[in-house]
Amino acid sequence: MINVIKKEIDMEESLKKRLEIICDFCNTTPTIINGSIRKIDKTNLNYIEPHRIIINSIMFLAFNYSNEIYINNLSKKIKISELENYIKTMN
């Protein structure tokens, strides 16, 4: 039987503050869901689930210590510094 161990990861404080400041400028409130590490017991297989940030019903994905944020899935990314302009064009 496969045993999957899930451990929640807290979002880096500086990343969280950057996202909250950007959302304040855009007059929105982000919903932040912490990511996790999933490990298959007795193997060396690990998966890092990104943090999910929901802004205006659009999901963004972010990893700790990264300057990029992903839109809906891991195929489209932008720099966090460009997030404010992206949110403003969504409205």
PDB file of N, CA and C in Angstrom:
ATOM      1  N   MET A   1       0.830  -1.177   0.000  1.00  0.00           N
ATOM      2  CA  MET A   1       0.000   0.000   0.000  1.00  0.00           C
ATOM      3  C   MET A   1       0.883   1.251   0.000  1.00  0.00           C
ATOM      4  N   ILE A   2       0.501   2.233  -0.788  1.00  0.00           N
ATOM      5  CA  ILE A   2       1.257   3.478  -0.888  1.00  0.00           C
ATOM      6  C   ILE A   2       0.772   4.436   0.186  1.00  0.00           C
ATOM      7  N   ASN A   3       1.726   4.967   0.928  1.00  0.00           N
ATOM      8  CA  ASN A   3       1.406   5.899   1.993  1.00  0.00           C
ATOM      9  C   ASN A   3       1.952   7.281   1.604  1.00  0.00           C
ATOM     10  N   VAL A   4       1.070   8.260   1.413  1.00  0.00           N
ATOM     11  CA  VAL A   4       1.471   9.613   1.042  1.00  0.00           C
ATOM     12  C   VAL A   4       1.436  10.489   2.295  1.00  0.00           C
ATOM     13  N   ILE A   5       2.570  11.133   2.578  1.00  0.00           N
ATOM     14  CA  ILE A   5       2.670  12.013   3.734  1.00  0.00           C
ATOM     15  C   ILE A   5       2.556  13.451   3.237  1.00  0.00           C
ATOM     16  N   LYS A   6       1.642  14.204   3.822  1.00  0.00           N
ATOM     17  CA  LYS A   6       1.417  15.592   3.411  1.00  0.00           C
ATOM     18  C   LYS A   6       1.782  16.510   4.569  1.00  0.00           C
ATOM     19  N   LYS A   7       2.656  17.486   4.273  1.00  0.00           N
ATOM     20  CA  LYS A   7       3.071  18.445   5.293  1.00  0.00           C
ATOM     21  C   LYS A   7       2.883  19.856   4.726  1.00  0.00           C
ATOM     22  N   GLU A   8       2.131  20.680   5.431  1.00  0.00           N
ATOM     23  CA  GLU A   8       1.846  22.037   4.963  1.00  0.00           C
ATOM     24  C   GLU A   8       3.083  22.925   5.095  1.00  0.00           C
ATOM     25  N   ILE A   9       3.262  23.806   4.103  1.00  0.00           N
ATOM     26  CA  ILE A   9       4.365  24.767   4.098  1.00  0.00           C
ATOM     27  C   ILE A   9       3.769  26.151   4.314  1.00  0.00           C
ATOM     28  N   ASP A  10       4.331  26.914   5.232  1.00  0.00           N
ATOM     29  CA  ASP A  10       3.889  28.291   5.423  1.00  0.00           C
ATOM     30  C   ASP A  10       4.485  29.174   4.342  1.00  0.00           C
ATOM     31  N   MET A  11       3.699  30.145   3.898  1.00  0.00           N
ATOM     32  CA  MET A  11       4.180  31.082   2.885  1.00  0.00           C
ATOM     33  C   MET A  11       5.226  32.002   3.502  1.00  0.00           C
ATOM     34  N   GLU A  12       6.270  32.241   2.754  1.00  0.00           N
ATOM     35  CA  GLU A  12       7.321  33.144   3.193  1.00  0.00           C
ATOM     36  C   GLU A  12       6.706  34.513   3.499  1.00  0.00           C
ATOM     37  N   GLU A  13       7.090  35.115   4.611  1.00  0.00           N
ATOM     38  CA  GLU A  13       6.469  36.354   5.073  1.00  0.00           C
ATOM     39  C   GLU A  13       6.678  37.506   4.094  1.00  0.00           C
ATOM     40  N   SER A  14       7.857  37.623   3.500  1.00  0.00           N
ATOM     41  CA  SER A  14       8.096  38.737   2.568  1.00  0.00           C
ATOM     42  C   SER A  14       7.256  38.582   1.301  1.00  0.00           C
ATOM     43  N   LEU A  15       7.058  37.351   0.828  1.00  0.00           N
ATOM     44  CA  LEU A  15       6.206  37.104  -0.343  1.00  0.00           C
ATOM     45  C   LEU A  15       4.764  37.466  -0.025  1.00  0.00           C
ATOM     46  N   LYS A  16       4.305  37.073   1.150  1.00  0.00           N
ATOM     47  CA  LYS A  16       2.938  37.364   1.564  1.00  0.00           C
ATOM     48  C   LYS A  16       2.702  38.872   1.648  1.00  0.00           C
ATOM     49  N   LYS A  17       3.649  39.599   2.215  1.00  0.00           N
ATOM     50  CA  LYS A  17       3.517  41.052   2.326  1.00  0.00           C
ATOM     51  C   LYS A  17       3.520  41.716   0.962  1.00  0.00           C
ATOM     52  N   ARG A  18       4.379  41.246   0.037  1.00  0.00           N
ATOM     53  CA  ARG A  18       4.410  41.812  -1.315  1.00  0.00           C
ATOM     54  C   ARG A  18       3.059  41.644  -2.006  1.00  0.00           C
ATOM     55  N   LEU A  19       2.486  40.447  -1.890  1.00  0.00           N
ATOM     56  CA  LEU A  19       1.182  40.193  -2.511  1.00  0.00           C
ATOM     57  C   LEU A  19       0.079  41.040  -1.892  1.00  0.00           C
ATOM     58  N   GLU A  20       0.107  41.196  -0.578  1.00  0.00           N
ATOM     59  CA  GLU A  20      -0.908  42.003   0.089  1.00  0.00           C
ATOM     60  C   GLU A  20      -0.791  43.475  -0.293  1.00  0.00           C
ATOM     61  N   ILE A  21       0.433  43.989  -0.439  1.00  0.00           N
ATOM     62  CA  ILE A  21       0.629  45.387  -0.838  1.00  0.00           C
ATOM     63  C   ILE A  21       0.126  45.608  -2.262  1.00  0.00           C
ATOM     64  N   ILE A  22       0.444  44.684  -3.159  1.00  0.00           N
ATOM     65  CA  ILE A  22      -0.024  44.797  -4.542  1.00  0.00           C
ATOM     66  C   ILE A  22      -1.547  44.788  -4.585  1.00  0.00           C
ATOM     67  N   CYS A  23      -2.159  43.900  -3.819  1.00  0.00           N
ATOM     68  CA  CYS A  23      -3.623  43.831  -3.804  1.00  0.00           C
ATOM     69  C   CYS A  23      -4.239  45.083  -3.180  1.00  0.00           C
ATOM     70  N   ASP A  24      -3.572  45.685  -2.195  1.00  0.00           N
ATOM     71  CA  ASP A  24      -4.068  46.944  -1.627  1.00  0.00           C
ATOM     72  C   ASP A  24      -4.098  48.041  -2.679  1.00  0.00           C
ATOM     73  N   PHE A  25      -3.060  48.114  -3.509  1.00  0.00           N
ATOM     74  CA  PHE A  25      -3.035  49.111  -4.581  1.00  0.00           C
ATOM     75  C   PHE A  25      -4.160  48.885  -5.583  1.00  0.00           C
ATOM     76  N   CYS A  26      -4.564  47.635  -5.746  1.00  0.00           N
ATOM     77  CA  CYS A  26      -5.623  47.302  -6.715  1.00  0.00           C
ATOM     78  C   CYS A  26      -7.006  47.221  -6.078  1.00  0.00           C
ATOM     79  N   ASN A  27      -7.115  47.552  -4.806  1.00  0.00           N
ATOM     80  CA  ASN A  27      -8.386  47.517  -4.065  1.00  0.00           C
ATOM     81  C   ASN A  27      -9.039  46.134  -4.102  1.00  0.00           C
ATOM     82  N   THR A  28      -8.234  45.096  -3.924  1.00  0.00           N
ATOM     83  CA  THR A  28      -8.754  43.734  -3.838  1.00  0.00           C
ATOM     84  C   THR A  28      -8.203  43.070  -2.591  1.00  0.00           C
ATOM     85  N   THR A  29      -8.789  41.946  -2.248  1.00  0.00           N
ATOM     86  CA  THR A  29      -8.321  41.171  -1.105  1.00  0.00           C
ATOM     87  C   THR A  29      -7.954  39.775  -1.588  1.00  0.00           C
ATOM     88  N   PRO A  30      -6.707  39.356  -1.363  1.00  0.00           N
ATOM     89  CA  PRO A  30      -6.323  38.013  -1.801  1.00  0.00           C
ATOM     90  C   PRO A  30      -6.745  36.949  -0.784  1.00  0.00           C
ATOM     91  N   THR A  31      -7.071  35.777  -1.296  1.00  0.00           N
ATOM     92  CA  THR A  31      -7.292  34.607  -0.450  1.00  0.00           C
ATOM     93  C   THR A  31      -6.080  33.713  -0.639  1.00  0.00           C
ATOM     94  N   ILE A  32      -5.349  33.466   0.443  1.00  0.00           N
ATOM     95  CA  ILE A  32      -4.095  32.713   0.354  1.00  0.00           C
ATOM     96  C   ILE A  32      -4.278  31.343   0.978  1.00  0.00           C
ATOM     97  N   ILE A  33      -3.923  30.313   0.211  1.00  0.00           N
ATOM     98  CA  ILE A  33      -3.972  28.927   0.682  1.00  0.00           C
ATOM     99  C   ILE A  33      -2.544  28.394   0.628  1.00  0.00           C
ATOM    100  N   ASN A  34      -2.030  27.998   1.779  1.00  0.00           N
ATOM    101  CA  ASN A  34      -0.656  27.516   1.839  1.00  0.00           C
ATOM    102  C   ASN A  34      -0.467  26.234   1.040  1.00  0.00           C
ATOM    103  N   GLY A  35       0.715  26.100   0.448  1.00  0.00           N
ATOM    104  CA  GLY A  35       1.061  24.892  -0.291  1.00  0.00           C
ATOM    105  C   GLY A  35       1.491  23.781   0.666  1.00  0.00           C
ATOM    106  N   SER A  36       1.972  22.686   0.082  1.00  0.00           N
ATOM    107  CA  SER A  36       2.395  21.564   0.918  1.00  0.00           C
ATOM    108  C   SER A  36       3.465  20.749   0.210  1.00  0.00           C
ATOM    109  N   ILE A  37       4.102  19.910   0.983  1.00  0.00           N
ATOM    110  CA  ILE A  37       5.034  18.926   0.440  1.00  0.00           C
ATOM    111  C   ILE A  37       4.349  17.574   0.570  1.00  0.00           C
ATOM    112  N   ARG A  38       4.297  16.847  -0.530  1.00  0.00           N
ATOM    113  CA  ARG A  38       3.734  15.495  -0.501  1.00  0.00           C
ATOM    114  C   ARG A  38       4.870  14.519  -0.766  1.00  0.00           C
ATOM    115  N   LYS A  39       5.012  13.566   0.117  1.00  0.00           N
ATOM    116  CA  LYS A  39       6.103  12.601   0.036  1.00  0.00           C
ATOM    117  C   LYS A  39       5.525  11.195   0.082  1.00  0.00           C
ATOM    118  N   ILE A  40       5.994  10.368  -0.832  1.00  0.00           N
ATOM    119  CA  ILE A  40       5.581   8.963  -0.821  1.00  0.00           C
ATOM    120  C   ILE A  40       6.516   8.232   0.126  1.00  0.00           C
ATOM    121  N   ASP A  41       5.939   7.624   1.145  1.00  0.00           N
ATOM    122  CA  ASP A  41       6.695   6.961   2.199  1.00  0.00           C
ATOM    123  C   ASP A  41       7.597   5.867   1.629  1.00  0.00           C
ATOM    124  N   LYS A  42       8.801   5.773   2.172  1.00  0.00           N
ATOM    125  CA  LYS A  42       9.810   4.768   1.824  1.00  0.00           C
ATOM    126  C   LYS A  42      10.331   4.912   0.392  1.00  0.00           C
ATOM    127  N   THR A  43      10.229   6.121  -0.167  1.00  0.00           N
ATOM    128  CA  THR A  43      10.816   6.423  -1.481  1.00  0.00           C
ATOM    129  C   THR A  43      11.475   7.790  -1.391  1.00  0.00           C
ATOM    130  N   ASN A  44      12.119   8.206  -2.469  1.00  0.00           N
ATOM    131  CA  ASN A  44      12.689   9.540  -2.501  1.00  0.00           C
ATOM    132  C   ASN A  44      11.858  10.464  -3.394  1.00  0.00           C
ATOM    133  N   LEU A  45      10.593  10.126  -3.620  1.00  0.00           N
ATOM    134  CA  LEU A  45       9.706  10.932  -4.458  1.00  0.00           C
ATOM    135  C   LEU A  45       8.999  11.987  -3.615  1.00  0.00           C
ATOM    136  N   ASN A  46       9.158  13.246  -4.028  1.00  0.00           N
ATOM    137  CA  ASN A  46       8.519  14.372  -3.351  1.00  0.00           C
ATOM    138  C   ASN A  46       7.857  15.258  -4.378  1.00  0.00           C
ATOM    139  N   TYR A  47       6.778  15.924  -3.973  1.00  0.00           N
ATOM    140  CA  TYR A  47       6.118  16.906  -4.823  1.00  0.00           C
ATOM    141  C   TYR A  47       5.853  18.138  -3.975  1.00  0.00           C
ATOM    142  N   ILE A  48       6.276  19.291  -4.462  1.00  0.00           N
ATOM    143  CA  ILE A  48       6.023  20.534  -3.762  1.00  0.00           C
ATOM    144  C   ILE A  48       4.813  21.197  -4.415  1.00  0.00           C
ATOM    145  N   GLU A  49       3.737  21.282  -3.663  1.00  0.00           N
ATOM    146  CA  GLU A  49       2.529  21.928  -4.146  1.00  0.00           C
ATOM    147  C   GLU A  49       2.660  23.428  -3.898  1.00  0.00           C
ATOM    148  N   PRO A  50       2.449  24.262  -4.927  1.00  0.00           N
ATOM    149  CA  PRO A  50       2.633  25.705  -4.741  1.00  0.00           C
ATOM    150  C   PRO A  50       1.532  26.320  -3.884  1.00  0.00           C
ATOM    151  N   HIS A  51       1.817  27.513  -3.369  1.00  0.00           N
ATOM    152  CA  HIS A  51       0.811  28.287  -2.641  1.00  0.00           C
ATOM    153  C   HIS A  51      -0.216  28.782  -3.656  1.00  0.00           C
ATOM    154  N   ARG A  52      -1.465  28.790  -3.256  1.00  0.00           N
ATOM    155  CA  ARG A  52      -2.529  29.278  -4.139  1.00  0.00           C
ATOM    156  C   ARG A  52      -3.023  30.621  -3.625  1.00  0.00           C
ATOM    157  N   ILE A  53      -3.066  31.581  -4.527  1.00  0.00           N
ATOM    158  CA  ILE A  53      -3.553  32.912  -4.209  1.00  0.00           C
ATOM    159  C   ILE A  53      -4.727  33.187  -5.138  1.00  0.00           C
ATOM    160  N   ILE A  54      -5.887  33.462  -4.566  1.00  0.00           N
ATOM    161  CA  ILE A  54      -7.073  33.719  -5.375  1.00  0.00           C
ATOM    162  C   ILE A  54      -7.380  35.210  -5.294  1.00  0.00           C
ATOM    163  N   ILE A  55      -7.338  35.857  -6.470  1.00  0.00           N
ATOM    164  CA  ILE A  55      -7.611  37.287  -6.574  1.00  0.00           C
ATOM    165  C   ILE A  55      -8.664  37.468  -7.661  1.00  0.00           C
ATOM    166  N   ASN A  56      -9.793  38.067  -7.308  1.00  0.00           N
ATOM    167  CA  ASN A  56     -10.886  38.295  -8.260  1.00  0.00           C
ATOM    168  C   ASN A  56     -11.264  37.013  -9.009  1.00  0.00           C
ATOM    169  N   SER A  57     -11.389  35.938  -8.296  1.00  0.00           N
ATOM    170  CA  SER A  57     -11.766  34.608  -8.797  1.00  0.00           C
ATOM    171  C   SER A  57     -10.784  34.026  -9.819  1.00  0.00           C
ATOM    172  N   ILE A  58      -9.552  34.517  -9.855  1.00  0.00           N
ATOM    173  CA  ILE A  58      -8.504  33.929 -10.684  1.00  0.00           C
ATOM    174  C   ILE A  58      -7.440  33.377  -9.745  1.00  0.00           C
ATOM    175  N   MET A  59      -7.011  32.149 -10.014  1.00  0.00           N
ATOM    176  CA  MET A  59      -6.034  31.509  -9.151  1.00  0.00           C
ATOM    177  C   MET A  59      -4.621  31.759  -9.664  1.00  0.00           C
ATOM    178  N   PHE A  60      -3.764  32.177  -8.760  1.00  0.00           N
ATOM    179  CA  PHE A  60      -2.344  32.352  -9.032  1.00  0.00           C
ATOM    180  C   PHE A  60      -1.584  31.352  -8.173  1.00  0.00           C
ATOM    181  N   LEU A  61      -0.465  30.872  -8.672  1.00  0.00           N
ATOM    182  CA  LEU A  61       0.368  29.914  -7.952  1.00  0.00           C
ATOM    183  C   LEU A  61       1.728  30.547  -7.692  1.00  0.00           C
ATOM    184  N   ALA A  62       2.262  30.348  -6.491  1.00  0.00           N
ATOM    185  CA  ALA A  62       3.553  30.932  -6.144  1.00  0.00           C
ATOM    186  C   ALA A  62       4.345  29.958  -5.283  1.00  0.00           C
ATOM    187  N   PHE A  63       5.653  30.014  -5.451  1.00  0.00           N
ATOM    188  CA  PHE A  63       6.576  29.236  -4.633  1.00  0.00           C
ATOM    189  C   PHE A  63       7.360  30.188  -3.747  1.00  0.00           C
ATOM    190  N   ASN A  64       7.761  29.727  -2.566  1.00  0.00           N
ATOM    191  CA  ASN A  64       8.612  30.535  -1.695  1.00  0.00           C
ATOM    192  C   ASN A  64       9.920  30.841  -2.407  1.00  0.00           C
ATOM    193  N   TYR A  65      10.469  32.016  -2.139  1.00  0.00           N
ATOM    194  CA  TYR A  65      11.768  32.469  -2.653  1.00  0.00           C
ATOM    195  C   TYR A  65      11.804  32.574  -4.180  1.00  0.00           C
ATOM    196  N   SER A  66      10.669  32.814  -4.809  1.00  0.00           N
ATOM    197  CA  SER A  66      10.608  32.982  -6.255  1.00  0.00           C
ATOM    198  C   SER A  66      10.125  34.395  -6.576  1.00  0.00           C
ATOM    199  N   ASN A  67      10.586  34.944  -7.685  1.00  0.00           N
ATOM    200  CA  ASN A  67      10.145  36.269  -8.123  1.00  0.00           C
ATOM    201  C   ASN A  67       9.082  36.183  -9.196  1.00  0.00           C
ATOM    202  N   GLU A  68       8.582  34.988  -9.445  1.00  0.00           N
ATOM    203  CA  GLU A  68       7.577  34.780 -10.474  1.00  0.00           C
ATOM    204  C   GLU A  68       6.311  34.212  -9.858  1.00  0.00           C
ATOM    205  N   ILE A  69       5.194  34.498 -10.532  1.00  0.00           N
ATOM    206  CA  ILE A  69       3.907  33.975 -10.099  1.00  0.00           C
ATOM    207  C   ILE A  69       3.230  33.376 -11.325  1.00  0.00           C
ATOM    208  N   TYR A  70       2.562  32.261 -11.139  1.00  0.00           N
ATOM    209  CA  TYR A  70       1.942  31.535 -12.247  1.00  0.00           C
ATOM    210  C   TYR A  70       0.445  31.814 -12.273  1.00  0.00           C
ATOM    211  N   ILE A  71      -0.108  31.851 -13.481  1.00  0.00           N
ATOM    212  CA  ILE A  71      -1.526  32.163 -13.655  1.00  0.00           C
ATOM    213  C   ILE A  71      -2.275  30.873 -13.993  1.00  0.00           C
ATOM    214  N   ASN A  72      -3.189  30.469 -13.134  1.00  0.00           N
ATOM    215  CA  ASN A  72      -4.049  29.279 -13.259  1.00  0.00           C
ATOM    216  C   ASN A  72      -3.301  27.949 -13.237  1.00  0.00           C
ATOM    217  N   ASN A  73      -2.196  27.828 -13.952  1.00  0.00           N
ATOM    218  CA  ASN A  73      -1.397  26.593 -13.925  1.00  0.00           C
ATOM    219  C   ASN A  73       0.066  26.961 -14.145  1.00  0.00           C
ATOM    220  N   LEU A  74       0.924  25.977 -14.225  1.00  0.00           N
ATOM    221  CA  LEU A  74       2.354  26.252 -14.302  1.00  0.00           C
ATOM    222  C   LEU A  74       2.853  26.564 -15.706  1.00  0.00           C
ATOM    223  N   SER A  75       1.954  26.743 -16.670  1.00  0.00           N
ATOM    224  CA  SER A  75       2.396  26.992 -18.040  1.00  0.00           C
ATOM    225  C   SER A  75       2.547  28.483 -18.354  1.00  0.00           C
ATOM    226  N   LYS A  76       1.865  29.358 -17.628  1.00  0.00           N
ATOM    227  CA  LYS A  76       1.953  30.795 -17.891  1.00  0.00           C
ATOM    228  C   LYS A  76       2.425  31.497 -16.624  1.00  0.00           C
ATOM    229  N   LYS A  77       3.506  32.274 -16.751  1.00  0.00           N
ATOM    230  CA  LYS A  77       4.030  32.960 -15.580  1.00  0.00           C
ATOM    231  C   LYS A  77       4.348  34.411 -15.902  1.00  0.00           C
ATOM    232  N   ILE A  78       4.317  35.226 -14.846  1.00  0.00           N
ATOM    233  CA  ILE A  78       4.716  36.619 -14.936  1.00  0.00           C
ATOM    234  C   ILE A  78       5.566  36.936 -13.709  1.00  0.00           C
ATOM    235  N   LYS A  79       6.279  38.018 -13.766  1.00  0.00           N
ATOM    236  CA  LYS A  79       7.037  38.462 -12.596  1.00  0.00           C
ATOM    237  C   LYS A  79       6.074  39.076 -11.592  1.00  0.00           C
ATOM    238  N   ILE A  80       6.393  38.952 -10.318  1.00  0.00           N
ATOM    239  CA  ILE A  80       5.520  39.502  -9.282  1.00  0.00           C
ATOM    240  C   ILE A  80       5.412  41.017  -9.438  1.00  0.00           C
ATOM    241  N   SER A  81       6.460  41.655  -9.928  1.00  0.00           N
ATOM    242  CA  SER A  81       6.418  43.107 -10.134  1.00  0.00           C
ATOM    243  C   SER A  81       5.401  43.507 -11.202  1.00  0.00           C
ATOM    244  N   GLU A  82       5.015  42.598 -12.083  1.00  0.00           N
ATOM    245  CA  GLU A  82       4.033  42.872 -13.130  1.00  0.00           C
ATOM    246  C   GLU A  82       2.609  42.502 -12.709  1.00  0.00           C
ATOM    247  N   LEU A  83       2.448  41.965 -11.512  1.00  0.00           N
ATOM    248  CA  LEU A  83       1.145  41.487 -11.056  1.00  0.00           C
ATOM    249  C   LEU A  83       0.126  42.618 -10.928  1.00  0.00           C
ATOM    250  N   GLU A  84       0.540  43.766 -10.451  1.00  0.00           N
ATOM    251  CA  GLU A  84      -0.385  44.889 -10.289  1.00  0.00           C
ATOM    252  C   GLU A  84      -1.016  45.265 -11.636  1.00  0.00           C
ATOM    253  N   ASN A  85      -0.206  45.392 -12.665  1.00  0.00           N
ATOM    254  CA  ASN A  85      -0.740  45.725 -13.999  1.00  0.00           C
ATOM    255  C   ASN A  85      -1.661  44.624 -14.516  1.00  0.00           C
ATOM    256  N   TYR A  86      -1.319  43.370 -14.246  1.00  0.00           N
ATOM    257  CA  TYR A  86      -2.150  42.251 -14.682  1.00  0.00           C
ATOM    258  C   TYR A  86      -3.525  42.292 -14.013  1.00  0.00           C
ATOM    259  N   ILE A  87      -3.542  42.551 -12.711  1.00  0.00           N
ATOM    260  CA  ILE A  87      -4.803  42.604 -11.976  1.00  0.00           C
ATOM    261  C   ILE A  87      -5.664  43.763 -12.478  1.00  0.00           C
ATOM    262  N   LYS A  88      -5.036  44.897 -12.732  1.00  0.00           N
ATOM    263  CA  LYS A  88      -5.793  46.060 -13.219  1.00  0.00           C
ATOM    264  C   LYS A  88      -6.388  45.811 -14.591  1.00  0.00           C
ATOM    265  N   THR A  89      -5.714  45.046 -15.456  1.00  0.00           N
ATOM    266  CA  THR A  89      -6.259  44.758 -16.773  1.00  0.00           C
ATOM    267  C   THR A  89      -7.346  43.685 -16.710  1.00  0.00           C
ATOM    268  N   MET A  90      -7.393  42.900 -15.645  1.00  0.00           N
ATOM    269  CA  MET A  90      -8.426  41.880 -15.477  1.00  0.00           C
ATOM    270  C   MET A  90      -9.781  42.534 -15.218  1.00  0.00           C
ATOM    271  N   ASN A  91      -9.785  43.663 -14.541  1.00  0.00           N
ATOM    272  CA  ASN A  91     -11.053  44.290 -14.129  1.00  0.00           C
ATOM    273  C   ASN A  91     -11.755  44.918 -15.259  1.00  0.00           C
TER     274      ASN A  91
END
